[in-house]
Amino acid sequence: MERIGRDYIRYMEEMFAYYEQCSRTLLDREPVQVLLIHANRLNADYLDDLVKMLRNRGYRFISLDEALEDPAYRLPDHYTGRRGISWLQRWAITMEREVEDAPDMPDWVVKVAWPE
């Protein structure tokens, strides 16, 4: 369980770095971000570590209403696929722009979650 928790925080930090870079590539800036996390045991057990990591990256917390005031959230969105993807990925599709692939989950997690 501890290995999952450590890798979760490491993976989330990689994802934040990825989306920060996507923001700069796509929008030439980093818009206010919205983080969706699900209510589950992993997030409950590691929320303090996740918040610490975010604060170390310079993030602070605001309301969703405040976040949605960022002009980026008024950009067109034409994505209609089945996957739940980020706003940045949706905007890239709408703008017909490429973004790098997101970091992969650790191999050992994939093997445990989806055994062959």
C-alpha atoms as a PDB file:
ATOM      1  CA  MET A   1       0.000   0.000   0.000  1.00  0.00           C
ATOM      2  CA  GLU A   2       2.834   2.387   0.800  1.00  0.00           C
ATOM      3  CA  ARG A   3       4.427   1.693  -2.585  1.00  0.00           C
ATOM      4  CA  ILE A   4       1.181   2.632  -4.316  1.00  0.00           C
ATOM      5  CA  GLY A   5       0.942   5.821  -2.265  1.00  0.00           C
ATOM      6  CA  ARG A   6       4.522   6.888  -2.998  1.00  0.00           C
ATOM      7  CA  ASP A   7       4.149   6.156  -6.701  1.00  0.00           C
ATOM      8  CA  TYR A   8       0.799   7.957  -6.754  1.00  0.00           C
ATOM      9  CA  ILE A   9       2.338  11.192  -5.455  1.00  0.00           C
ATOM     10  CA  ARG A  10       5.330  10.835  -7.802  1.00  0.00           C
ATOM     11  CA  TYR A  11       3.004  10.174 -10.754  1.00  0.00           C
ATOM     12  CA  MET A  12       0.781  13.135  -9.850  1.00  0.00           C
ATOM     13  CA  GLU A  13       3.826  15.410  -9.746  1.00  0.00           C
ATOM     14  CA  GLU A  14       4.772  14.172 -13.225  1.00  0.00           C
ATOM     15  CA  MET A  15       1.223  14.896 -14.379  1.00  0.00           C
ATOM     16  CA  PHE A  16       1.327  18.437 -13.002  1.00  0.00           C
ATOM     17  CA  ALA A  17       4.622  19.074 -14.773  1.00  0.00           C
ATOM     18  CA  TYR A  18       3.089  17.632 -17.951  1.00  0.00           C
ATOM     19  CA  TYR A  19      -0.016  19.854 -17.804  1.00  0.00           C
ATOM     20  CA  GLU A  20       2.032  22.919 -16.915  1.00  0.00           C
ATOM     21  CA  GLN A  21       4.111  22.328 -20.052  1.00  0.00           C
ATOM     22  CA  CYS A  22       0.994  21.638 -22.149  1.00  0.00           C
ATOM     23  CA  SER A  23      -0.456  24.943 -20.945  1.00  0.00           C
ATOM     24  CA  ARG A  24       2.625  26.873 -21.983  1.00  0.00           C
ATOM     25  CA  THR A  25       2.776  25.097 -25.349  1.00  0.00           C
ATOM     26  CA  LEU A  26      -0.905  25.493 -26.161  1.00  0.00           C
ATOM     27  CA  LEU A  27      -1.796  28.816 -24.538  1.00  0.00           C
ATOM     28  CA  ASP A  28       1.590  30.476 -24.028  1.00  0.00           C
ATOM     29  CA  ARG A  29       0.800  30.681 -20.314  1.00  0.00           C
ATOM     30  CA  GLU A  30      -0.454  28.607 -17.432  1.00  0.00           C
ATOM     31  CA  PRO A  31      -4.151  29.221 -16.827  1.00  0.00           C
ATOM     32  CA  VAL A  32      -5.731  28.643 -13.471  1.00  0.00           C
ATOM     33  CA  GLN A  33      -6.001  24.872 -13.129  1.00  0.00           C
ATOM     34  CA  VAL A  34      -8.927  22.805 -11.877  1.00  0.00           C
ATOM     35  CA  LEU A  35      -8.084  19.546 -10.132  1.00  0.00           C
ATOM     36  CA  LEU A  36     -10.661  16.780  -9.964  1.00  0.00           C
ATOM     37  CA  ILE A  37      -9.864  13.991  -7.541  1.00  0.00           C
ATOM     38  CA  HIS A  38     -12.228  11.223  -6.629  1.00  0.00           C
ATOM     39  CA  ALA A  39     -13.339  10.270  -3.143  1.00  0.00           C
ATOM     40  CA  ASN A  40     -11.466   7.041  -2.535  1.00  0.00           C
ATOM     41  CA  ARG A  41      -9.150   5.514   0.032  1.00  0.00           C
ATOM     42  CA  LEU A  42      -5.961   6.379  -1.858  1.00  0.00           C
ATOM     43  CA  ASN A  43      -6.853  10.077  -2.025  1.00  0.00           C
ATOM     44  CA  ALA A  44      -8.027  10.059   1.576  1.00  0.00           C
ATOM     45  CA  ASP A  45      -4.781   8.490   2.777  1.00  0.00           C
ATOM     46  CA  TYR A  46      -2.465  10.648   0.640  1.00  0.00           C
ATOM     47  CA  LEU A  47      -4.330  13.953   0.401  1.00  0.00           C
ATOM     48  CA  ASP A  48      -1.920  15.676   2.794  1.00  0.00           C
ATOM     49  CA  ASP A  49       1.044  14.523   0.685  1.00  0.00           C
ATOM     50  CA  LEU A  50      -0.698  15.634  -2.511  1.00  0.00           C
ATOM     51  CA  VAL A  51      -1.461  19.085  -1.069  1.00  0.00           C
ATOM     52  CA  LYS A  52       2.136  19.424   0.166  1.00  0.00           C
ATOM     53  CA  MET A  53       3.456  18.542  -3.302  1.00  0.00           C
ATOM     54  CA  LEU A  54       1.114  21.087  -4.900  1.00  0.00           C
ATOM     55  CA  ARG A  55       2.109  23.837  -2.486  1.00  0.00           C
ATOM     56  CA  ASN A  56       5.780  23.040  -3.121  1.00  0.00           C
ATOM     57  CA  ARG A  57       5.054  23.598  -6.831  1.00  0.00           C
ATOM     58  CA  GLY A  58       3.597  27.027  -6.004  1.00  0.00           C
ATOM     59  CA  TYR A  59      -0.090  26.165  -6.156  1.00  0.00           C
ATOM     60  CA  ARG A  60      -2.713  27.673  -3.897  1.00  0.00           C
ATOM     61  CA  PHE A  61      -6.359  26.751  -3.601  1.00  0.00           C
ATOM     62  CA  ILE A  62      -9.277  28.847  -4.793  1.00  0.00           C
ATOM     63  CA  SER A  63     -12.947  28.177  -5.469  1.00  0.00           C
ATOM     64  CA  LEU A  64     -14.157  26.661  -8.725  1.00  0.00           C
ATOM     65  CA  ASP A  65     -16.020  29.895  -9.486  1.00  0.00           C
ATOM     66  CA  GLU A  66     -12.760  31.857  -9.164  1.00  0.00           C
ATOM     67  CA  ALA A  67     -10.913  29.367 -11.353  1.00  0.00           C
ATOM     68  CA  LEU A  68     -13.534  29.533 -14.078  1.00  0.00           C
ATOM     69  CA  GLU A  69     -13.009  33.295 -14.366  1.00  0.00           C
ATOM     70  CA  ASP A  70      -9.800  32.516 -16.274  1.00  0.00           C
ATOM     71  CA  PRO A  71     -10.398  33.375 -19.962  1.00  0.00           C
ATOM     72  CA  ALA A  72      -9.100  29.951 -20.988  1.00  0.00           C
ATOM     73  CA  TYR A  73     -12.382  28.410 -19.846  1.00  0.00           C
ATOM     74  CA  ARG A  74     -14.203  30.422 -22.512  1.00  0.00           C
ATOM     75  CA  LEU A  75     -12.221  28.786 -25.319  1.00  0.00           C
ATOM     76  CA  PRO A  76     -14.228  26.662 -27.763  1.00  0.00           C
ATOM     77  CA  ASP A  77     -14.418  22.951 -27.056  1.00  0.00           C
ATOM     78  CA  HIS A  78     -15.481  20.631 -29.876  1.00  0.00           C
ATOM     79  CA  TYR A  79     -14.361  17.332 -28.342  1.00  0.00           C
ATOM     80  CA  THR A  80     -17.127  14.703 -28.352  1.00  0.00           C
ATOM     81  CA  GLY A  81     -15.191  11.505 -27.670  1.00  0.00           C
ATOM     82  CA  ARG A  82     -15.834   8.922 -24.992  1.00  0.00           C
ATOM     83  CA  ARG A  83     -12.641   9.489 -23.023  1.00  0.00           C
ATOM     84  CA  GLY A  84     -12.580  11.782 -20.022  1.00  0.00           C
ATOM     85  CA  ILE A  85      -9.706  14.037 -20.998  1.00  0.00           C
ATOM     86  CA  SER A  86      -8.425  17.326 -19.628  1.00  0.00           C
ATOM     87  CA  TRP A  87      -9.565  20.739 -20.765  1.00  0.00           C
ATOM     88  CA  LEU A  88      -6.091  21.300 -22.212  1.00  0.00           C
ATOM     89  CA  GLN A  89      -6.388  18.169 -24.319  1.00  0.00           C
ATOM     90  CA  ARG A  90      -9.892  19.167 -25.423  1.00  0.00           C
ATOM     91  CA  TRP A  91      -8.723  22.632 -26.453  1.00  0.00           C
ATOM     92  CA  ALA A  92      -5.758  21.144 -28.330  1.00  0.00           C
ATOM     93  CA  ILE A  93      -8.125  18.900 -30.312  1.00  0.00           C
ATOM     94  CA  THR A  94     -10.390  21.863 -31.068  1.00  0.00           C
ATOM     95  CA  MET A  95      -7.400  23.977 -32.150  1.00  0.00           C
ATOM     96  CA  GLU A  96      -6.083  21.040 -34.191  1.00  0.00           C
ATOM     97  CA  ARG A  97      -2.828  21.191 -32.256  1.00  0.00           C
ATOM     98  CA  GLU A  98      -0.725  18.299 -31.033  1.00  0.00           C
ATOM     99  CA  VAL A  99       0.250  17.859 -27.416  1.00  0.00           C
ATOM    100  CA  GLU A 100       2.718  15.366 -26.046  1.00  0.00           C
ATOM    101  CA  ASP A 101       1.393  12.131 -24.596  1.00  0.00           C
ATOM    102  CA  ALA A 102       0.829  12.180 -20.854  1.00  0.00           C
ATOM    103  CA  PRO A 103       3.254  10.275 -18.639  1.00  0.00           C
ATOM    104  CA  ASP A 104       2.547   6.574 -18.333  1.00  0.00           C
ATOM    105  CA  MET A 105       1.493   4.933 -15.123  1.00  0.00           C
ATOM    106  CA  PRO A 106       4.224   2.809 -13.553  1.00  0.00           C
ATOM    107  CA  ASP A 107       4.442  -0.586 -15.271  1.00  0.00           C
ATOM    108  CA  TRP A 108       3.930  -2.449 -12.016  1.00  0.00           C
ATOM    109  CA  VAL A 109       0.635  -0.606 -11.389  1.00  0.00           C
ATOM    110  CA  VAL A 110      -0.625  -1.398 -14.899  1.00  0.00           C
ATOM    111  CA  LYS A 111       0.224  -5.084 -14.443  1.00  0.00           C
ATOM    112  CA  VAL A 112      -1.610  -5.263 -11.125  1.00  0.00           C
ATOM    113  CA  ALA A 113      -4.629  -3.259 -12.306  1.00  0.00           C
ATOM    114  CA  TRP A 114      -5.029  -4.985 -15.675  1.00  0.00           C
ATOM    115  CA  PRO A 115      -3.467  -8.452 -15.462  1.00  0.00           C
ATOM    116  CA  GLU A 116      -3.256 -10.344 -18.738  1.00  0.00           C
END
